[in-house]
């Protein structure tokens, strides 16, 4: 897993990419 985003825009990131990757819709 790298990152997820829910329908209410809650996001979750793998520790290895936090602060560097951004998921959006």
PDBML (XML) file of the C-alpha atoms, coordinates in Angstrom:
<?xml version="1.0" encoding="UTF-8" ?>
<PDBx:datablock datablockName="MODEL"
   xmlns:PDBx="http://pdbml.pdb.org/schema/pdbx-v50.xsd"
   xmlns:xsi="http://www.w3.org/2001/XMLSchema-instance"
   xsi:schemaLocation="http://pdbml.pdb.org/schema/pdbx-v50.xsd pdbx-v50.xsd">
   <PDBx:atom_siteCategory>
      <PDBx:atom_site id="1">
         <PDBx:B_iso_or_equiv>0.00</PDBx:B_iso_or_equiv>
         <PDBx:Cartn_x>0.000</PDBx:Cartn_x>
         <PDBx:Cartn_y>0.000</PDBx:Cartn_y>
         <PDBx:Cartn_z>0.000</PDBx:Cartn_z>
         <PDBx:auth_asym_id>A</PDBx:auth_asym_id>
         <PDBx:auth_atom_id>CA</PDBx:auth_atom_id>
         <PDBx:auth_comp_id>UNK</PDBx:auth_comp_id>
         <PDBx:auth_seq_id>1</PDBx:auth_seq_id>
         <PDBx:group_PDB>ATOM</PDBx:group_PDB>
         <PDBx:label_alt_id xsi:nil="true" />
         <PDBx:label_asym_id>A</PDBx:label_asym_id>
         <PDBx:label_atom_id>CA</PDBx:label_atom_id>
         <PDBx:label_comp_id>UNK</PDBx:label_comp_id>
         <PDBx:label_entity_id>1</PDBx:label_entity_id>
         <PDBx:label_seq_id>1</PDBx:label_seq_id>
         <PDBx:occupancy>1.00</PDBx:occupancy>
         <PDBx:pdbx_PDB_model_num>1</PDBx:pdbx_PDB_model_num>
         <PDBx:type_symbol>C</PDBx:type_symbol>
      </PDBx:atom_site>
      <PDBx:atom_site id="2">
         <PDBx:B_iso_or_equiv>0.00</PDBx:B_iso_or_equiv>
         <PDBx:Cartn_x>1.162</PDBx:Cartn_x>
         <PDBx:Cartn_y>3.518</PDBx:Cartn_y>
         <PDBx:Cartn_z>-0.809</PDBx:Cartn_z>
         <PDBx:auth_asym_id>A</PDBx:auth_asym_id>
         <PDBx:auth_atom_id>CA</PDBx:auth_atom_id>
         <PDBx:auth_comp_id>UNK</PDBx:auth_comp_id>
         <PDBx:auth_seq_id>2</PDBx:auth_seq_id>
         <PDBx:group_PDB>ATOM</PDBx:group_PDB>
         <PDBx:label_alt_id xsi:nil="true" />
         <PDBx:label_asym_id>A</PDBx:label_asym_id>
         <PDBx:label_atom_id>CA</PDBx:label_atom_id>
         <PDBx:label_comp_id>UNK</PDBx:label_comp_id>
         <PDBx:label_entity_id>1</PDBx:label_entity_id>
         <PDBx:label_seq_id>2</PDBx:label_seq_id>
         <PDBx:occupancy>1.00</PDBx:occupancy>
         <PDBx:pdbx_PDB_model_num>1</PDBx:pdbx_PDB_model_num>
         <PDBx:type_symbol>C</PDBx:type_symbol>
      </PDBx:atom_site>
      <PDBx:atom_site id="3">
         <PDBx:B_iso_or_equiv>0.00</PDBx:B_iso_or_equiv>
         <PDBx:Cartn_x>-1.858</PDBx:Cartn_x>
         <PDBx:Cartn_y>5.703</PDBx:Cartn_y>
         <PDBx:Cartn_z>-0.053</PDBx:Cartn_z>
         <PDBx:auth_asym_id>A</PDBx:auth_asym_id>
         <PDBx:auth_atom_id>CA</PDBx:auth_atom_id>
         <PDBx:auth_comp_id>UNK</PDBx:auth_comp_id>
         <PDBx:auth_seq_id>3</PDBx:auth_seq_id>
         <PDBx:group_PDB>ATOM</PDBx:group_PDB>
         <PDBx:label_alt_id xsi:nil="true" />
         <PDBx:label_asym_id>A</PDBx:label_asym_id>
         <PDBx:label_atom_id>CA</PDBx:label_atom_id>
         <PDBx:label_comp_id>UNK</PDBx:label_comp_id>
         <PDBx:label_entity_id>1</PDBx:label_entity_id>
         <PDBx:label_seq_id>3</PDBx:label_seq_id>
         <PDBx:occupancy>1.00</PDBx:occupancy>
         <PDBx:pdbx_PDB_model_num>1</PDBx:pdbx_PDB_model_num>
         <PDBx:type_symbol>C</PDBx:type_symbol>
      </PDBx:atom_site>
      <PDBx:atom_site id="4">
         <PDBx:B_iso_or_equiv>0.00</PDBx:B_iso_or_equiv>
         <PDBx:Cartn_x>-5.644</PDBx:Cartn_x>
         <PDBx:Cartn_y>5.664</PDBx:Cartn_y>
         <PDBx:Cartn_z>0.124</PDBx:Cartn_z>
         <PDBx:auth_asym_id>A</PDBx:auth_asym_id>
         <PDBx:auth_atom_id>CA</PDBx:auth_atom_id>
         <PDBx:auth_comp_id>UNK</PDBx:auth_comp_id>
         <PDBx:auth_seq_id>4</PDBx:auth_seq_id>
         <PDBx:group_PDB>ATOM</PDBx:group_PDB>
         <PDBx:label_alt_id xsi:nil="true" />
         <PDBx:label_asym_id>A</PDBx:label_asym_id>
         <PDBx:label_atom_id>CA</PDBx:label_atom_id>
         <PDBx:label_comp_id>UNK</PDBx:label_comp_id>
         <PDBx:label_entity_id>1</PDBx:label_entity_id>
         <PDBx:label_seq_id>4</PDBx:label_seq_id>
         <PDBx:occupancy>1.00</PDBx:occupancy>
         <PDBx:pdbx_PDB_model_num>1</PDBx:pdbx_PDB_model_num>
         <PDBx:type_symbol>C</PDBx:type_symbol>
      </PDBx:atom_site>
      <PDBx:atom_site id="5">
         <PDBx:B_iso_or_equiv>0.00</PDBx:B_iso_or_equiv>
         <PDBx:Cartn_x>-8.411</PDBx:Cartn_x>
         <PDBx:Cartn_y>8.254</PDBx:Cartn_y>
         <PDBx:Cartn_z>0.059</PDBx:Cartn_z>
         <PDBx:auth_asym_id>A</PDBx:auth_asym_id>
         <PDBx:auth_atom_id>CA</PDBx:auth_atom_id>
         <PDBx:auth_comp_id>UNK</PDBx:auth_comp_id>
         <PDBx:auth_seq_id>5</PDBx:auth_seq_id>
         <PDBx:group_PDB>ATOM</PDBx:group_PDB>
         <PDBx:label_alt_id xsi:nil="true" />
         <PDBx:label_asym_id>A</PDBx:label_asym_id>
         <PDBx:label_atom_id>CA</PDBx:label_atom_id>
         <PDBx:label_comp_id>UNK</PDBx:label_comp_id>
         <PDBx:label_entity_id>1</PDBx:label_entity_id>
         <PDBx:label_seq_id>5</PDBx:label_seq_id>
         <PDBx:occupancy>1.00</PDBx:occupancy>
         <PDBx:pdbx_PDB_model_num>1</PDBx:pdbx_PDB_model_num>
         <PDBx:type_symbol>C</PDBx:type_symbol>
      </PDBx:atom_site>
      <PDBx:atom_site id="6">
         <PDBx:B_iso_or_equiv>0.00</PDBx:B_iso_or_equiv>
         <PDBx:Cartn_x>-12.012</PDBx:Cartn_x>
         <PDBx:Cartn_y>7.762</PDBx:Cartn_y>
         <PDBx:Cartn_z>1.104</PDBx:Cartn_z>
         <PDBx:auth_asym_id>A</PDBx:auth_asym_id>
         <PDBx:auth_atom_id>CA</PDBx:auth_atom_id>
         <PDBx:auth_comp_id>UNK</PDBx:auth_comp_id>
         <PDBx:auth_seq_id>6</PDBx:auth_seq_id>
         <PDBx:group_PDB>ATOM</PDBx:group_PDB>
         <PDBx:label_alt_id xsi:nil="true" />
         <PDBx:label_asym_id>A</PDBx:label_asym_id>
         <PDBx:label_atom_id>CA</PDBx:label_atom_id>
         <PDBx:label_comp_id>UNK</PDBx:label_comp_id>
         <PDBx:label_entity_id>1</PDBx:label_entity_id>
         <PDBx:label_seq_id>6</PDBx:label_seq_id>
         <PDBx:occupancy>1.00</PDBx:occupancy>
         <PDBx:pdbx_PDB_model_num>1</PDBx:pdbx_PDB_model_num>
         <PDBx:type_symbol>C</PDBx:type_symbol>
      </PDBx:atom_site>
      <PDBx:atom_site id="7">
         <PDBx:B_iso_or_equiv>0.00</PDBx:B_iso_or_equiv>
         <PDBx:Cartn_x>-15.175</PDBx:Cartn_x>
         <PDBx:Cartn_y>9.347</PDBx:Cartn_y>
         <PDBx:Cartn_z>-0.250</PDBx:Cartn_z>
         <PDBx:auth_asym_id>A</PDBx:auth_asym_id>
         <PDBx:auth_atom_id>CA</PDBx:auth_atom_id>
         <PDBx:auth_comp_id>UNK</PDBx:auth_comp_id>
         <PDBx:auth_seq_id>7</PDBx:auth_seq_id>
         <PDBx:group_PDB>ATOM</PDBx:group_PDB>
         <PDBx:label_alt_id xsi:nil="true" />
         <PDBx:label_asym_id>A</PDBx:label_asym_id>
         <PDBx:label_atom_id>CA</PDBx:label_atom_id>
         <PDBx:label_comp_id>UNK</PDBx:label_comp_id>
         <PDBx:label_entity_id>1</PDBx:label_entity_id>
         <PDBx:label_seq_id>7</PDBx:label_seq_id>
         <PDBx:occupancy>1.00</PDBx:occupancy>
         <PDBx:pdbx_PDB_model_num>1</PDBx:pdbx_PDB_model_num>
         <PDBx:type_symbol>C</PDBx:type_symbol>
      </PDBx:atom_site>
      <PDBx:atom_site id="8">
         <PDBx:B_iso_or_equiv>0.00</PDBx:B_iso_or_equiv>
         <PDBx:Cartn_x>-15.034</PDBx:Cartn_x>
         <PDBx:Cartn_y>11.895</PDBx:Cartn_y>
         <PDBx:Cartn_z>2.578</PDBx:Cartn_z>
         <PDBx:auth_asym_id>A</PDBx:auth_asym_id>
         <PDBx:auth_atom_id>CA</PDBx:auth_atom_id>
         <PDBx:auth_comp_id>UNK</PDBx:auth_comp_id>
         <PDBx:auth_seq_id>8</PDBx:auth_seq_id>
         <PDBx:group_PDB>ATOM</PDBx:group_PDB>
         <PDBx:label_alt_id xsi:nil="true" />
         <PDBx:label_asym_id>A</PDBx:label_asym_id>
         <PDBx:label_atom_id>CA</PDBx:label_atom_id>
         <PDBx:label_comp_id>UNK</PDBx:label_comp_id>
         <PDBx:label_entity_id>1</PDBx:label_entity_id>
         <PDBx:label_seq_id>8</PDBx:label_seq_id>
         <PDBx:occupancy>1.00</PDBx:occupancy>
         <PDBx:pdbx_PDB_model_num>1</PDBx:pdbx_PDB_model_num>
         <PDBx:type_symbol>C</PDBx:type_symbol>
      </PDBx:atom_site>
      <PDBx:atom_site id="9">
         <PDBx:B_iso_or_equiv>0.00</PDBx:B_iso_or_equiv>
         <PDBx:Cartn_x>-11.409</PDBx:Cartn_x>
         <PDBx:Cartn_y>12.718</PDBx:Cartn_y>
         <PDBx:Cartn_z>1.662</PDBx:Cartn_z>
         <PDBx:auth_asym_id>A</PDBx:auth_asym_id>
         <PDBx:auth_atom_id>CA</PDBx:auth_atom_id>
         <PDBx:auth_comp_id>UNK</PDBx:auth_comp_id>
         <PDBx:auth_seq_id>9</PDBx:auth_seq_id>
         <PDBx:group_PDB>ATOM</PDBx:group_PDB>
         <PDBx:label_alt_id xsi:nil="true" />
         <PDBx:label_asym_id>A</PDBx:label_asym_id>
         <PDBx:label_atom_id>CA</PDBx:label_atom_id>
         <PDBx:label_comp_id>UNK</PDBx:label_comp_id>
         <PDBx:label_entity_id>1</PDBx:label_entity_id>
         <PDBx:label_seq_id>9</PDBx:label_seq_id>
         <PDBx:occupancy>1.00</PDBx:occupancy>
         <PDBx:pdbx_PDB_model_num>1</PDBx:pdbx_PDB_model_num>
         <PDBx:type_symbol>C</PDBx:type_symbol>
      </PDBx:atom_site>
      <PDBx:atom_site id="10">
         <PDBx:B_iso_or_equiv>0.00</PDBx:B_iso_or_equiv>
         <PDBx:Cartn_x>-9.748</PDBx:Cartn_x>
         <PDBx:Cartn_y>10.961</PDBx:Cartn_y>
         <PDBx:Cartn_z>4.590</PDBx:Cartn_z>
         <PDBx:auth_asym_id>A</PDBx:auth_asym_id>
         <PDBx:auth_atom_id>CA</PDBx:auth_atom_id>
         <PDBx:auth_comp_id>UNK</PDBx:auth_comp_id>
         <PDBx:auth_seq_id>10</PDBx:auth_seq_id>
         <PDBx:group_PDB>ATOM</PDBx:group_PDB>
         <PDBx:label_alt_id xsi:nil="true" />
         <PDBx:label_asym_id>A</PDBx:label_asym_id>
         <PDBx:label_atom_id>CA</PDBx:label_atom_id>
         <PDBx:label_comp_id>UNK</PDBx:label_comp_id>
         <PDBx:label_entity_id>1</PDBx:label_entity_id>
         <PDBx:label_seq_id>10</PDBx:label_seq_id>
         <PDBx:occupancy>1.00</PDBx:occupancy>
         <PDBx:pdbx_PDB_model_num>1</PDBx:pdbx_PDB_model_num>
         <PDBx:type_symbol>C</PDBx:type_symbol>
      </PDBx:atom_site>
      <PDBx:atom_site id="11">
         <PDBx:B_iso_or_equiv>0.00</PDBx:B_iso_or_equiv>
         <PDBx:Cartn_x>-6.251</PDBx:Cartn_x>
         <PDBx:Cartn_y>9.925</PDBx:Cartn_y>
         <PDBx:Cartn_z>3.574</PDBx:Cartn_z>
         <PDBx:auth_asym_id>A</PDBx:auth_asym_id>
         <PDBx:auth_atom_id>CA</PDBx:auth_atom_id>
         <PDBx:auth_comp_id>UNK</PDBx:auth_comp_id>
         <PDBx:auth_seq_id>11</PDBx:auth_seq_id>
         <PDBx:group_PDB>ATOM</PDBx:group_PDB>
         <PDBx:label_alt_id xsi:nil="true" />
         <PDBx:label_asym_id>A</PDBx:label_asym_id>
         <PDBx:label_atom_id>CA</PDBx:label_atom_id>
         <PDBx:label_comp_id>UNK</PDBx:label_comp_id>
         <PDBx:label_entity_id>1</PDBx:label_entity_id>
         <PDBx:label_seq_id>11</PDBx:label_seq_id>
         <PDBx:occupancy>1.00</PDBx:occupancy>
         <PDBx:pdbx_PDB_model_num>1</PDBx:pdbx_PDB_model_num>
         <PDBx:type_symbol>C</PDBx:type_symbol>
      </PDBx:atom_site>
      <PDBx:atom_site id="12">
         <PDBx:B_iso_or_equiv>0.00</PDBx:B_iso_or_equiv>
         <PDBx:Cartn_x>-3.810</PDBx:Cartn_x>
         <PDBx:Cartn_y>7.276</PDBx:Cartn_y>
         <PDBx:Cartn_z>4.722</PDBx:Cartn_z>
         <PDBx:auth_asym_id>A</PDBx:auth_asym_id>
         <PDBx:auth_atom_id>CA</PDBx:auth_atom_id>
         <PDBx:auth_comp_id>UNK</PDBx:auth_comp_id>
         <PDBx:auth_seq_id>12</PDBx:auth_seq_id>
         <PDBx:group_PDB>ATOM</PDBx:group_PDB>
         <PDBx:label_alt_id xsi:nil="true" />
         <PDBx:label_asym_id>A</PDBx:label_asym_id>
         <PDBx:label_atom_id>CA</PDBx:label_atom_id>
         <PDBx:label_comp_id>UNK</PDBx:label_comp_id>
         <PDBx:label_entity_id>1</PDBx:label_entity_id>
         <PDBx:label_seq_id>12</PDBx:label_seq_id>
         <PDBx:occupancy>1.00</PDBx:occupancy>
         <PDBx:pdbx_PDB_model_num>1</PDBx:pdbx_PDB_model_num>
         <PDBx:type_symbol>C</PDBx:type_symbol>
      </PDBx:atom_site>
      <PDBx:atom_site id="13">
         <PDBx:B_iso_or_equiv>0.00</PDBx:B_iso_or_equiv>
         <PDBx:Cartn_x>-0.151</PDBx:Cartn_x>
         <PDBx:Cartn_y>6.835</PDBx:Cartn_y>
         <PDBx:Cartn_z>3.771</PDBx:Cartn_z>
         <PDBx:auth_asym_id>A</PDBx:auth_asym_id>
         <PDBx:auth_atom_id>CA</PDBx:auth_atom_id>
         <PDBx:auth_comp_id>UNK</PDBx:auth_comp_id>
         <PDBx:auth_seq_id>13</PDBx:auth_seq_id>
         <PDBx:group_PDB>ATOM</PDBx:group_PDB>
         <PDBx:label_alt_id xsi:nil="true" />
         <PDBx:label_asym_id>A</PDBx:label_asym_id>
         <PDBx:label_atom_id>CA</PDBx:label_atom_id>
         <PDBx:label_comp_id>UNK</PDBx:label_comp_id>
         <PDBx:label_entity_id>1</PDBx:label_entity_id>
         <PDBx:label_seq_id>13</PDBx:label_seq_id>
         <PDBx:occupancy>1.00</PDBx:occupancy>
         <PDBx:pdbx_PDB_model_num>1</PDBx:pdbx_PDB_model_num>
         <PDBx:type_symbol>C</PDBx:type_symbol>
      </PDBx:atom_site>
      <PDBx:atom_site id="14">
         <PDBx:B_iso_or_equiv>0.00</PDBx:B_iso_or_equiv>
         <PDBx:Cartn_x>2.560</PDBx:Cartn_x>
         <PDBx:Cartn_y>4.264</PDBx:Cartn_y>
         <PDBx:Cartn_z>4.138</PDBx:Cartn_z>
         <PDBx:auth_asym_id>A</PDBx:auth_asym_id>
         <PDBx:auth_atom_id>CA</PDBx:auth_atom_id>
         <PDBx:auth_comp_id>UNK</PDBx:auth_comp_id>
         <PDBx:auth_seq_id>14</PDBx:auth_seq_id>
         <PDBx:group_PDB>ATOM</PDBx:group_PDB>
         <PDBx:label_alt_id xsi:nil="true" />
         <PDBx:label_asym_id>A</PDBx:label_asym_id>
         <PDBx:label_atom_id>CA</PDBx:label_atom_id>
         <PDBx:label_comp_id>UNK</PDBx:label_comp_id>
         <PDBx:label_entity_id>1</PDBx:label_entity_id>
         <PDBx:label_seq_id>14</PDBx:label_seq_id>
         <PDBx:occupancy>1.00</PDBx:occupancy>
         <PDBx:pdbx_PDB_model_num>1</PDBx:pdbx_PDB_model_num>
         <PDBx:type_symbol>C</PDBx:type_symbol>
      </PDBx:atom_site>
      <PDBx:atom_site id="15">
         <PDBx:B_iso_or_equiv>0.00</PDBx:B_iso_or_equiv>
         <PDBx:Cartn_x>5.220</PDBx:Cartn_x>
         <PDBx:Cartn_y>5.421</PDBx:Cartn_y>
         <PDBx:Cartn_z>6.569</PDBx:Cartn_z>
         <PDBx:auth_asym_id>A</PDBx:auth_asym_id>
         <PDBx:auth_atom_id>CA</PDBx:auth_atom_id>
         <PDBx:auth_comp_id>UNK</PDBx:auth_comp_id>
         <PDBx:auth_seq_id>15</PDBx:auth_seq_id>
         <PDBx:group_PDB>ATOM</PDBx:group_PDB>
         <PDBx:label_alt_id xsi:nil="true" />
         <PDBx:label_asym_id>A</PDBx:label_asym_id>
         <PDBx:label_atom_id>CA</PDBx:label_atom_id>
         <PDBx:label_comp_id>UNK</PDBx:label_comp_id>
         <PDBx:label_entity_id>1</PDBx:label_entity_id>
         <PDBx:label_seq_id>15</PDBx:label_seq_id>
         <PDBx:occupancy>1.00</PDBx:occupancy>
         <PDBx:pdbx_PDB_model_num>1</PDBx:pdbx_PDB_model_num>
         <PDBx:type_symbol>C</PDBx:type_symbol>
      </PDBx:atom_site>
      <PDBx:atom_site id="16">
         <PDBx:B_iso_or_equiv>0.00</PDBx:B_iso_or_equiv>
         <PDBx:Cartn_x>7.836</PDBx:Cartn_x>
         <PDBx:Cartn_y>5.325</PDBx:Cartn_y>
         <PDBx:Cartn_z>3.825</PDBx:Cartn_z>
         <PDBx:auth_asym_id>A</PDBx:auth_asym_id>
         <PDBx:auth_atom_id>CA</PDBx:auth_atom_id>
         <PDBx:auth_comp_id>UNK</PDBx:auth_comp_id>
         <PDBx:auth_seq_id>16</PDBx:auth_seq_id>
         <PDBx:group_PDB>ATOM</PDBx:group_PDB>
         <PDBx:label_alt_id xsi:nil="true" />
         <PDBx:label_asym_id>A</PDBx:label_asym_id>
         <PDBx:label_atom_id>CA</PDBx:label_atom_id>
         <PDBx:label_comp_id>UNK</PDBx:label_comp_id>
         <PDBx:label_entity_id>1</PDBx:label_entity_id>
         <PDBx:label_seq_id>16</PDBx:label_seq_id>
         <PDBx:occupancy>1.00</PDBx:occupancy>
         <PDBx:pdbx_PDB_model_num>1</PDBx:pdbx_PDB_model_num>
         <PDBx:type_symbol>C</PDBx:type_symbol>
      </PDBx:atom_site>
      <PDBx:atom_site id="17">
         <PDBx:B_iso_or_equiv>0.00</PDBx:B_iso_or_equiv>
         <PDBx:Cartn_x>6.046</PDBx:Cartn_x>
         <PDBx:Cartn_y>7.992</PDBx:Cartn_y>
         <PDBx:Cartn_z>1.758</PDBx:Cartn_z>
         <PDBx:auth_asym_id>A</PDBx:auth_asym_id>
         <PDBx:auth_atom_id>CA</PDBx:auth_atom_id>
         <PDBx:auth_comp_id>UNK</PDBx:auth_comp_id>
         <PDBx:auth_seq_id>17</PDBx:auth_seq_id>
         <PDBx:group_PDB>ATOM</PDBx:group_PDB>
         <PDBx:label_alt_id xsi:nil="true" />
         <PDBx:label_asym_id>A</PDBx:label_asym_id>
         <PDBx:label_atom_id>CA</PDBx:label_atom_id>
         <PDBx:label_comp_id>UNK</PDBx:label_comp_id>
         <PDBx:label_entity_id>1</PDBx:label_entity_id>
         <PDBx:label_seq_id>17</PDBx:label_seq_id>
         <PDBx:occupancy>1.00</PDBx:occupancy>
         <PDBx:pdbx_PDB_model_num>1</PDBx:pdbx_PDB_model_num>
         <PDBx:type_symbol>C</PDBx:type_symbol>
      </PDBx:atom_site>
      <PDBx:atom_site id="18">
         <PDBx:B_iso_or_equiv>0.00</PDBx:B_iso_or_equiv>
         <PDBx:Cartn_x>4.556</PDBx:Cartn_x>
         <PDBx:Cartn_y>10.260</PDBx:Cartn_y>
         <PDBx:Cartn_z>4.431</PDBx:Cartn_z>
         <PDBx:auth_asym_id>A</PDBx:auth_asym_id>
         <PDBx:auth_atom_id>CA</PDBx:auth_atom_id>
         <PDBx:auth_comp_id>UNK</PDBx:auth_comp_id>
         <PDBx:auth_seq_id>18</PDBx:auth_seq_id>
         <PDBx:group_PDB>ATOM</PDBx:group_PDB>
         <PDBx:label_alt_id xsi:nil="true" />
         <PDBx:label_asym_id>A</PDBx:label_asym_id>
         <PDBx:label_atom_id>CA</PDBx:label_atom_id>
         <PDBx:label_comp_id>UNK</PDBx:label_comp_id>
         <PDBx:label_entity_id>1</PDBx:label_entity_id>
         <PDBx:label_seq_id>18</PDBx:label_seq_id>
         <PDBx:occupancy>1.00</PDBx:occupancy>
         <PDBx:pdbx_PDB_model_num>1</PDBx:pdbx_PDB_model_num>
         <PDBx:type_symbol>C</PDBx:type_symbol>
      </PDBx:atom_site>
      <PDBx:atom_site id="19">
         <PDBx:B_iso_or_equiv>0.00</PDBx:B_iso_or_equiv>
         <PDBx:Cartn_x>5.493</PDBx:Cartn_x>
         <PDBx:Cartn_y>13.876</PDBx:Cartn_y>
         <PDBx:Cartn_z>3.851</PDBx:Cartn_z>
         <PDBx:auth_asym_id>A</PDBx:auth_asym_id>
         <PDBx:auth_atom_id>CA</PDBx:auth_atom_id>
         <PDBx:auth_comp_id>UNK</PDBx:auth_comp_id>
         <PDBx:auth_seq_id>19</PDBx:auth_seq_id>
         <PDBx:group_PDB>ATOM</PDBx:group_PDB>
         <PDBx:label_alt_id xsi:nil="true" />
         <PDBx:label_asym_id>A</PDBx:label_asym_id>
         <PDBx:label_atom_id>CA</PDBx:label_atom_id>
         <PDBx:label_comp_id>UNK</PDBx:label_comp_id>
         <PDBx:label_entity_id>1</PDBx:label_entity_id>
         <PDBx:label_seq_id>19</PDBx:label_seq_id>
         <PDBx:occupancy>1.00</PDBx:occupancy>
         <PDBx:pdbx_PDB_model_num>1</PDBx:pdbx_PDB_model_num>
         <PDBx:type_symbol>C</PDBx:type_symbol>
      </PDBx:atom_site>
      <PDBx:atom_site id="20">
         <PDBx:B_iso_or_equiv>0.00</PDBx:B_iso_or_equiv>
         <PDBx:Cartn_x>6.597</PDBx:Cartn_x>
         <PDBx:Cartn_y>13.164</PDBx:Cartn_y>
         <PDBx:Cartn_z>0.274</PDBx:Cartn_z>
         <PDBx:auth_asym_id>A</PDBx:auth_asym_id>
         <PDBx:auth_atom_id>CA</PDBx:auth_atom_id>
         <PDBx:auth_comp_id>UNK</PDBx:auth_comp_id>
         <PDBx:auth_seq_id>20</PDBx:auth_seq_id>
         <PDBx:group_PDB>ATOM</PDBx:group_PDB>
         <PDBx:label_alt_id xsi:nil="true" />
         <PDBx:label_asym_id>A</PDBx:label_asym_id>
         <PDBx:label_atom_id>CA</PDBx:label_atom_id>
         <PDBx:label_comp_id>UNK</PDBx:label_comp_id>
         <PDBx:label_entity_id>1</PDBx:label_entity_id>
         <PDBx:label_seq_id>20</PDBx:label_seq_id>
         <PDBx:occupancy>1.00</PDBx:occupancy>
         <PDBx:pdbx_PDB_model_num>1</PDBx:pdbx_PDB_model_num>
         <PDBx:type_symbol>C</PDBx:type_symbol>
      </PDBx:atom_site>
      <PDBx:atom_site id="21">
         <PDBx:B_iso_or_equiv>0.00</PDBx:B_iso_or_equiv>
         <PDBx:Cartn_x>3.501</PDBx:Cartn_x>
         <PDBx:Cartn_y>11.766</PDBx:Cartn_y>
         <PDBx:Cartn_z>-1.498</PDBx:Cartn_z>
         <PDBx:auth_asym_id>A</PDBx:auth_asym_id>
         <PDBx:auth_atom_id>CA</PDBx:auth_atom_id>
         <PDBx:auth_comp_id>UNK</PDBx:auth_comp_id>
         <PDBx:auth_seq_id>21</PDBx:auth_seq_id>
         <PDBx:group_PDB>ATOM</PDBx:group_PDB>
         <PDBx:label_alt_id xsi:nil="true" />
         <PDBx:label_asym_id>A</PDBx:label_asym_id>
         <PDBx:label_atom_id>CA</PDBx:label_atom_id>
         <PDBx:label_comp_id>UNK</PDBx:label_comp_id>
         <PDBx:label_entity_id>1</PDBx:label_entity_id>
         <PDBx:label_seq_id>21</PDBx:label_seq_id>
         <PDBx:occupancy>1.00</PDBx:occupancy>
         <PDBx:pdbx_PDB_model_num>1</PDBx:pdbx_PDB_model_num>
         <PDBx:type_symbol>C</PDBx:type_symbol>
      </PDBx:atom_site>
      <PDBx:atom_site id="22">
         <PDBx:B_iso_or_equiv>0.00</PDBx:B_iso_or_equiv>
         <PDBx:Cartn_x>0.021</PDBx:Cartn_x>
         <PDBx:Cartn_y>13.271</PDBx:Cartn_y>
         <PDBx:Cartn_z>-1.692</PDBx:Cartn_z>
         <PDBx:auth_asym_id>A</PDBx:auth_asym_id>
         <PDBx:auth_atom_id>CA</PDBx:auth_atom_id>
         <PDBx:auth_comp_id>UNK</PDBx:auth_comp_id>
         <PDBx:auth_seq_id>22</PDBx:auth_seq_id>
         <PDBx:group_PDB>ATOM</PDBx:group_PDB>
         <PDBx:label_alt_id xsi:nil="true" />
         <PDBx:label_asym_id>A</PDBx:label_asym_id>
         <PDBx:label_atom_id>CA</PDBx:label_atom_id>
         <PDBx:label_comp_id>UNK</PDBx:label_comp_id>
         <PDBx:label_entity_id>1</PDBx:label_entity_id>
         <PDBx:label_seq_id>22</PDBx:label_seq_id>
         <PDBx:occupancy>1.00</PDBx:occupancy>
         <PDBx:pdbx_PDB_model_num>1</PDBx:pdbx_PDB_model_num>
         <PDBx:type_symbol>C</PDBx:type_symbol>
      </PDBx:atom_site>
      <PDBx:atom_site id="23">
         <PDBx:B_iso_or_equiv>0.00</PDBx:B_iso_or_equiv>
         <PDBx:Cartn_x>-3.113</PDBx:Cartn_x>
         <PDBx:Cartn_y>11.482</PDBx:Cartn_y>
         <PDBx:Cartn_z>-2.840</PDBx:Cartn_z>
         <PDBx:auth_asym_id>A</PDBx:auth_asym_id>
         <PDBx:auth_atom_id>CA</PDBx:auth_atom_id>
         <PDBx:auth_comp_id>UNK</PDBx:auth_comp_id>
         <PDBx:auth_seq_id>23</PDBx:auth_seq_id>
         <PDBx:group_PDB>ATOM</PDBx:group_PDB>
         <PDBx:label_alt_id xsi:nil="true" />
         <PDBx:label_asym_id>A</PDBx:label_asym_id>
         <PDBx:label_atom_id>CA</PDBx:label_atom_id>
         <PDBx:label_comp_id>UNK</PDBx:label_comp_id>
         <PDBx:label_entity_id>1</PDBx:label_entity_id>
         <PDBx:label_seq_id>23</PDBx:label_seq_id>
         <PDBx:occupancy>1.00</PDBx:occupancy>
         <PDBx:pdbx_PDB_model_num>1</PDBx:pdbx_PDB_model_num>
         <PDBx:type_symbol>C</PDBx:type_symbol>
      </PDBx:atom_site>
      <PDBx:atom_site id="24">
         <PDBx:B_iso_or_equiv>0.00</PDBx:B_iso_or_equiv>
         <PDBx:Cartn_x>-6.066</PDBx:Cartn_x>
         <PDBx:Cartn_y>13.509</PDBx:Cartn_y>
         <PDBx:Cartn_z>-4.071</PDBx:Cartn_z>
         <PDBx:auth_asym_id>A</PDBx:auth_asym_id>
         <PDBx:auth_atom_id>CA</PDBx:auth_atom_id>
         <PDBx:auth_comp_id>UNK</PDBx:auth_comp_id>
         <PDBx:auth_seq_id>24</PDBx:auth_seq_id>
         <PDBx:group_PDB>ATOM</PDBx:group_PDB>
         <PDBx:label_alt_id xsi:nil="true" />
         <PDBx:label_asym_id>A</PDBx:label_asym_id>
         <PDBx:label_atom_id>CA</PDBx:label_atom_id>
         <PDBx:label_comp_id>UNK</PDBx:label_comp_id>
         <PDBx:label_entity_id>1</PDBx:label_entity_id>
         <PDBx:label_seq_id>24</PDBx:label_seq_id>
         <PDBx:occupancy>1.00</PDBx:occupancy>
         <PDBx:pdbx_PDB_model_num>1</PDBx:pdbx_PDB_model_num>
         <PDBx:type_symbol>C</PDBx:type_symbol>
      </PDBx:atom_site>
      <PDBx:atom_site id="25">
         <PDBx:B_iso_or_equiv>0.00</PDBx:B_iso_or_equiv>
         <PDBx:Cartn_x>-9.255</PDBx:Cartn_x>
         <PDBx:Cartn_y>13.207</PDBx:Cartn_y>
         <PDBx:Cartn_z>-6.094</PDBx:Cartn_z>
         <PDBx:auth_asym_id>A</PDBx:auth_asym_id>
         <PDBx:auth_atom_id>CA</PDBx:auth_atom_id>
         <PDBx:auth_comp_id>UNK</PDBx:auth_comp_id>
         <PDBx:auth_seq_id>25</PDBx:auth_seq_id>
         <PDBx:group_PDB>ATOM</PDBx:group_PDB>
         <PDBx:label_alt_id xsi:nil="true" />
         <PDBx:label_asym_id>A</PDBx:label_asym_id>
         <PDBx:label_atom_id>CA</PDBx:label_atom_id>
         <PDBx:label_comp_id>UNK</PDBx:label_comp_id>
         <PDBx:label_entity_id>1</PDBx:label_entity_id>
         <PDBx:label_seq_id>25</PDBx:label_seq_id>
         <PDBx:occupancy>1.00</PDBx:occupancy>
         <PDBx:pdbx_PDB_model_num>1</PDBx:pdbx_PDB_model_num>
         <PDBx:type_symbol>C</PDBx:type_symbol>
      </PDBx:atom_site>
   </PDBx:atom_siteCategory>
</PDBx:datablock>
